[in-house]
Amino acid sequence: MSTGSPRRYGRDRDARNWVDNNLGSIKMRIPAYQGKSDPEAYLEWEKKMELVFNFHNYSEMKKVKLAAIEFTDYAIVLWDQLCVNRRRSGDLPIETWDDMKRVMRRCFVPSHYYRDL
């Protein structure tokens, strides 16, 4: 009677049934946003950001910083101006993803815009 055989079988079976729930090793790219005048482009970017943020356990401030890093073209100019104006007027900086979305939607999605789902 061999004592190693059942153990080896048990480990092999466990290895076959093992599910990788460790998400930390997966690299996800934060999408860039240019600040086009197309509301749909902004809403698509926002949705992609939501998916990335739901995947990672980032702090609210890190979400804001990660999103701002990926602004290009008009979006980065607008974001920079917004931050400068807030500092000059003594307003607190934007520190949550929800606040950032609210500000960015005001800039890139007209209030009358309707999106078909």
C-alpha atoms as a PDB file:
ATOM      1  CA  MET A   1       0.000   0.000   0.000  1.00  0.00           C
ATOM      2  CA  SER A   2       1.525   3.332  -1.059  1.00  0.00           C
ATOM      3  CA  THR A   3       0.819   6.369   1.125  1.00  0.00           C
ATOM      4  CA  GLY A   4       1.935   8.901  -1.509  1.00  0.00           C
ATOM      5  CA  SER A   5      -0.651   7.980  -4.109  1.00  0.00           C
ATOM      6  CA  PRO A   6      -3.809   9.323  -2.409  1.00  0.00           C
ATOM      7  CA  ARG A   7      -2.064  12.546  -1.475  1.00  0.00           C
ATOM      8  CA  ARG A   8      -0.822  13.092  -4.999  1.00  0.00           C
ATOM      9  CA  TYR A   9      -4.276  12.372  -6.387  1.00  0.00           C
ATOM     10  CA  GLY A  10      -5.790  14.817  -3.909  1.00  0.00           C
ATOM     11  CA  ARG A  11      -3.384  17.582  -4.887  1.00  0.00           C
ATOM     12  CA  ASP A  12      -3.939  16.975  -8.594  1.00  0.00           C
ATOM     13  CA  ARG A  13      -7.697  17.058  -8.131  1.00  0.00           C
ATOM     14  CA  ASP A  14      -7.411  20.258  -6.086  1.00  0.00           C
ATOM     15  CA  ALA A  15      -5.234  21.809  -8.796  1.00  0.00           C
ATOM     16  CA  ARG A  16      -7.810  20.967 -11.477  1.00  0.00           C
ATOM     17  CA  ASN A  17     -10.618  22.478  -9.413  1.00  0.00           C
ATOM     18  CA  TRP A  18      -8.656  25.548  -8.322  1.00  0.00           C
ATOM     19  CA  VAL A  19     -10.136  28.857  -9.397  1.00  0.00           C
ATOM     20  CA  ASP A  20      -7.931  31.945  -9.550  1.00  0.00           C
ATOM     21  CA  ASN A  21      -9.734  34.705  -7.653  1.00  0.00           C
ATOM     22  CA  ASN A  22      -6.601  36.821  -7.205  1.00  0.00           C
ATOM     23  CA  LEU A  23      -7.315  39.853  -9.357  1.00  0.00           C
ATOM     24  CA  GLY A  24      -4.303  41.846  -8.204  1.00  0.00           C
ATOM     25  CA  SER A  25      -2.001  40.338 -10.827  1.00  0.00           C
ATOM     26  CA  ILE A  26      -4.142  41.494 -13.766  1.00  0.00           C
ATOM     27  CA  LYS A  27      -3.033  44.695 -15.449  1.00  0.00           C
ATOM     28  CA  MET A  28      -5.809  46.980 -16.612  1.00  0.00           C
ATOM     29  CA  ARG A  29      -5.265  49.994 -18.819  1.00  0.00           C
ATOM     30  CA  ILE A  30      -6.936  53.244 -17.820  1.00  0.00           C
ATOM     31  CA  PRO A  31      -8.546  54.608 -21.005  1.00  0.00           C
ATOM     32  CA  ALA A  32      -7.543  58.026 -22.294  1.00  0.00           C
ATOM     33  CA  TYR A  33     -10.119  60.769 -22.835  1.00  0.00           C
ATOM     34  CA  GLN A  34      -9.566  63.673 -25.232  1.00  0.00           C
ATOM     35  CA  GLY A  35     -12.518  65.867 -24.393  1.00  0.00           C
ATOM     36  CA  LYS A  36     -14.283  65.669 -27.725  1.00  0.00           C
ATOM     37  CA  SER A  37     -17.578  67.453 -28.188  1.00  0.00           C
ATOM     38  CA  ASP A  38     -19.307  64.070 -28.527  1.00  0.00           C
ATOM     39  CA  PRO A  39     -21.316  63.283 -25.358  1.00  0.00           C
ATOM     40  CA  GLU A  40     -21.340  59.605 -26.267  1.00  0.00           C
ATOM     41  CA  ALA A  41     -17.528  59.524 -26.239  1.00  0.00           C
ATOM     42  CA  TYR A  42     -17.492  60.951 -22.707  1.00  0.00           C
ATOM     43  CA  LEU A  43     -20.156  58.531 -21.443  1.00  0.00           C
ATOM     44  CA  GLU A  44     -18.297  55.579 -22.942  1.00  0.00           C
ATOM     45  CA  TRP A  45     -15.050  56.717 -21.248  1.00  0.00           C
ATOM     46  CA  GLU A  46     -16.868  57.133 -17.928  1.00  0.00           C
ATOM     47  CA  LYS A  47     -18.329  53.624 -18.196  1.00  0.00           C
ATOM     48  CA  LYS A  48     -14.904  52.139 -18.924  1.00  0.00           C
ATOM     49  CA  MET A  49     -13.501  53.967 -15.910  1.00  0.00           C
ATOM     50  CA  GLU A  50     -16.317  52.547 -13.770  1.00  0.00           C
ATOM     51  CA  LEU A  51     -15.409  49.037 -14.902  1.00  0.00           C
ATOM     52  CA  VAL A  52     -11.744  49.555 -14.012  1.00  0.00           C
ATOM     53  CA  PHE A  53     -12.580  51.108 -10.644  1.00  0.00           C
ATOM     54  CA  ASN A  54     -15.035  48.329  -9.812  1.00  0.00           C
ATOM     55  CA  PHE A  55     -12.250  45.848 -10.496  1.00  0.00           C
ATOM     56  CA  HIS A  56      -9.743  47.534  -8.175  1.00  0.00           C
ATOM     57  CA  ASN A  57     -10.175  48.748  -4.624  1.00  0.00           C
ATOM     58  CA  TYR A  58      -8.838  52.269  -5.178  1.00  0.00           C
ATOM     59  CA  SER A  59      -9.374  55.160  -2.790  1.00  0.00           C
ATOM     60  CA  GLU A  60     -11.572  57.983  -4.061  1.00  0.00           C
ATOM     61  CA  MET A  61      -8.586  60.319  -4.388  1.00  0.00           C
ATOM     62  CA  LYS A  62      -6.648  57.715  -6.369  1.00  0.00           C
ATOM     63  CA  LYS A  63      -9.613  57.312  -8.746  1.00  0.00           C
ATOM     64  CA  VAL A  64      -9.627  61.053  -9.410  1.00  0.00           C
ATOM     65  CA  LYS A  65      -5.868  61.145  -9.976  1.00  0.00           C
ATOM     66  CA  LEU A  66      -5.845  58.080 -12.229  1.00  0.00           C
ATOM     67  CA  ALA A  67      -8.670  59.481 -14.347  1.00  0.00           C
ATOM     68  CA  ALA A  68      -7.037  62.920 -14.639  1.00  0.00           C
ATOM     69  CA  ILE A  69      -3.710  61.391 -15.685  1.00  0.00           C
ATOM     70  CA  GLU A  70      -5.392  59.973 -18.780  1.00  0.00           C
ATOM     71  CA  PHE A  71      -6.928  63.254 -19.946  1.00  0.00           C
ATOM     72  CA  THR A  72      -5.438  64.494 -23.202  1.00  0.00           C
ATOM     73  CA  ASP A  73      -6.024  67.397 -25.561  1.00  0.00           C
ATOM     74  CA  TYR A  74      -8.987  69.566 -24.555  1.00  0.00           C
ATOM     75  CA  ALA A  75      -9.875  67.436 -21.510  1.00  0.00           C
ATOM     76  CA  ILE A  76      -6.528  68.075 -19.768  1.00  0.00           C
ATOM     77  CA  VAL A  77      -6.675  71.797 -20.545  1.00  0.00           C
ATOM     78  CA  LEU A  78     -10.194  72.002 -19.147  1.00  0.00           C
ATOM     79  CA  TRP A  79      -9.312  69.905 -16.041  1.00  0.00           C
ATOM     80  CA  ASP A  80      -6.206  72.002 -15.334  1.00  0.00           C
ATOM     81  CA  GLN A  81      -8.204  75.232 -15.673  1.00  0.00           C
ATOM     82  CA  LEU A  82     -10.918  73.862 -13.421  1.00  0.00           C
ATOM     83  CA  CYS A  83      -8.361  72.944 -10.725  1.00  0.00           C
ATOM     84  CA  VAL A  84      -6.677  76.370 -10.956  1.00  0.00           C
ATOM     85  CA  ASN A  85     -10.032  78.181 -10.715  1.00  0.00           C
ATOM     86  CA  ARG A  86     -11.053  76.109  -7.666  1.00  0.00           C
ATOM     87  CA  ARG A  87      -7.761  76.937  -5.903  1.00  0.00           C
ATOM     88  CA  ARG A  88      -8.068  80.643  -6.713  1.00  0.00           C
ATOM     89  CA  SER A  89     -11.625  80.840  -5.445  1.00  0.00           C
ATOM     90  CA  GLY A  90     -10.787  78.927  -2.267  1.00  0.00           C
ATOM     91  CA  ASP A  91     -12.930  75.905  -3.183  1.00  0.00           C
ATOM     92  CA  LEU A  92     -11.841  72.468  -2.063  1.00  0.00           C
ATOM     93  CA  PRO A  93     -10.247  70.271  -4.709  1.00  0.00           C
ATOM     94  CA  ILE A  94     -12.322  67.528  -6.274  1.00  0.00           C
ATOM     95  CA  GLU A  95     -11.576  64.462  -4.179  1.00  0.00           C
ATOM     96  CA  THR A  96     -14.158  61.841  -5.184  1.00  0.00           C
ATOM     97  CA  TRP A  97     -14.922  60.017  -8.396  1.00  0.00           C
ATOM     98  CA  ASP A  98     -18.608  60.965  -8.121  1.00  0.00           C
ATOM     99  CA  ASP A  99     -17.716  64.672  -7.850  1.00  0.00           C
ATOM    100  CA  MET A 100     -15.354  64.363 -10.796  1.00  0.00           C
ATOM    101  CA  LYS A 101     -18.034  62.672 -12.916  1.00  0.00           C
ATOM    102  CA  ARG A 102     -20.531  65.391 -12.022  1.00  0.00           C
ATOM    103  CA  VAL A 103     -18.127  68.155 -13.104  1.00  0.00           C
ATOM    104  CA  MET A 104     -17.040  66.374 -16.262  1.00  0.00           C
ATOM    105  CA  ARG A 105     -20.618  65.595 -17.295  1.00  0.00           C
ATOM    106  CA  ARG A 106     -21.485  69.284 -16.976  1.00  0.00           C
ATOM    107  CA  CYS A 107     -18.619  70.040 -19.358  1.00  0.00           C
ATOM    108  CA  PHE A 108     -19.064  67.273 -21.918  1.00  0.00           C
ATOM    109  CA  VAL A 109     -22.703  66.120 -21.809  1.00  0.00           C
ATOM    110  CA  PRO A 110     -25.388  68.735 -22.535  1.00  0.00           C
ATOM    111  CA  SER A 111     -28.273  68.744 -20.051  1.00  0.00           C
ATOM    112  CA  HIS A 112     -30.723  68.053 -22.899  1.00  0.00           C
ATOM    113  CA  TYR A 113     -28.746  65.005 -24.117  1.00  0.00           C
ATOM    114  CA  TYR A 114     -30.713  61.766 -24.148  1.00  0.00           C
ATOM    115  CA  ARG A 115     -28.973  58.425 -24.481  1.00  0.00           C
ATOM    116  CA  ASP A 116     -30.736  55.415 -25.962  1.00  0.00           C
ATOM    117  CA  LEU A 117     -29.756  52.260 -24.170  1.00  0.00           C
END
